[in-house]
Amino acid sequence: MVIVGQAAAMFEGGPTGAGASVERTEAFLEEYQIARGRALSDNELQLCWAAGLWVRAFNAKKFHLDDFDALGRDEAETRVRQAGI
């Protein structure tokens, strides 16, 4: 689930590498569940969100050095809630 969560958060990296919005991350996870033919458990979904939050926070730290805001407070708080943290 870690790879799925990281992919969901980063599949729209683009030139800045900022990643996917919360809404696009949710859509990715929904489509992933449809493609696999089985819903993820609540714990699996939380793990996906936690893994995505980790990679987004890691990248935001790097981007901060270049004065680029890659993870705003509201988005980070939403991702923390989705991860059950």
Protein backbone atom coordinates (compact mmCIF):
# COMPACT_ATOMS: atom_id res chain seq x y z
CA MET A 1 0.00 0.00 0.00
CA VAL A 2 2.95 2.33 0.48
CA ILE A 3 3.72 2.38 -3.24
CA VAL A 4 0.05 2.95 -4.08
CA GLY A 5 -0.13 5.86 -1.64
CA GLN A 6 3.02 7.45 -2.95
CA ALA A 7 1.86 7.03 -6.53
CA ALA A 8 -1.54 8.55 -5.68
CA ALA A 9 0.12 11.61 -4.16
CA MET A 10 2.76 12.09 -6.84
CA PHE A 11 1.38 10.89 -10.18
CA GLU A 12 0.82 14.49 -11.28
CA GLY A 13 4.29 15.73 -10.45
CA GLY A 14 4.70 17.94 -13.49
CA PRO A 15 7.68 20.22 -13.88
CA THR A 16 7.59 21.34 -10.24
CA GLY A 17 7.19 17.87 -8.78
CA ALA A 18 4.61 19.23 -6.33
CA GLY A 19 2.26 16.26 -6.79
CA ALA A 20 -1.45 15.64 -7.02
CA SER A 21 -4.11 17.63 -5.19
CA VAL A 22 -6.13 15.98 -2.43
CA GLU A 23 -9.04 15.60 -4.85
CA ARG A 24 -6.88 13.98 -7.53
CA THR A 25 -5.30 11.71 -4.90
CA GLU A 26 -8.78 10.58 -3.84
CA ALA A 27 -9.72 9.95 -7.48
CA PHE A 28 -6.53 7.91 -8.02
CA LEU A 29 -7.30 5.75 -4.98
CA GLU A 30 -10.89 5.21 -6.13
CA GLU A 31 -9.76 4.18 -9.61
CA TYR A 32 -7.09 1.91 -8.14
CA GLN A 33 -9.74 0.07 -6.12
CA ILE A 34 -11.93 -0.34 -9.20
CA ALA A 35 -9.00 -1.63 -11.26
CA ARG A 36 -7.99 -4.18 -8.61
CA GLY A 37 -11.60 -5.34 -8.19
CA ARG A 38 -11.59 -4.99 -4.42
CA ALA A 39 -12.06 -2.10 -2.04
CA LEU A 40 -9.24 -1.15 0.26
CA SER A 41 -9.87 -1.53 3.98
CA ASP A 42 -9.92 1.57 6.18
CA ASN A 43 -6.45 0.66 7.44
CA GLU A 44 -5.12 0.23 3.90
CA LEU A 45 -6.54 3.60 2.87
CA GLN A 46 -4.98 5.26 5.90
CA LEU A 47 -1.65 3.69 5.02
CA CYS A 48 -1.95 5.02 1.46
CA TRP A 49 -2.65 8.53 2.74
CA ALA A 50 0.21 8.34 5.26
CA ALA A 51 2.67 7.21 2.58
CA GLY A 52 1.52 9.99 0.28
CA LEU A 53 1.84 12.53 3.06
CA TRP A 54 5.38 11.37 3.77
CA VAL A 55 6.55 11.80 0.18
CA ARG A 56 4.77 15.15 -0.18
CA ALA A 57 6.31 16.45 3.08
CA PHE A 58 9.76 15.20 2.05
CA ASN A 59 9.49 16.97 -1.30
CA ALA A 60 8.07 20.12 0.30
CA LYS A 61 11.14 20.32 2.53
CA LYS A 62 13.39 20.24 -0.53
CA PHE A 63 11.28 22.76 -2.46
CA HIS A 64 11.21 25.11 0.52
CA LEU A 65 14.92 25.69 0.00
CA ASP A 66 14.02 27.18 -3.40
CA ASP A 67 11.15 29.25 -1.94
CA PHE A 68 8.52 27.03 -3.57
CA ASP A 69 5.49 26.10 -1.45
CA ALA A 70 4.72 22.52 -2.46
CA LEU A 71 2.48 21.57 0.48
CA GLY A 72 0.24 24.16 2.10
CA ARG A 73 -0.97 23.88 5.67
CA ASP A 74 -4.60 23.15 4.72
CA GLU A 75 -3.59 20.38 2.34
CA ALA A 76 -1.19 18.87 4.87
CA GLU A 77 -3.91 18.89 7.55
CA THR A 78 -6.36 17.19 5.19
CA ARG A 79 -3.81 14.50 4.34
CA VAL A 80 -3.05 14.00 8.06
CA ARG A 81 -6.77 13.49 8.76
CA GLN A 82 -7.14 11.05 5.88
CA ALA A 83 -4.16 9.12 7.22
CA GLY A 84 -5.80 8.86 10.63
CA ILE A 85 -2.88 10.57 12.33
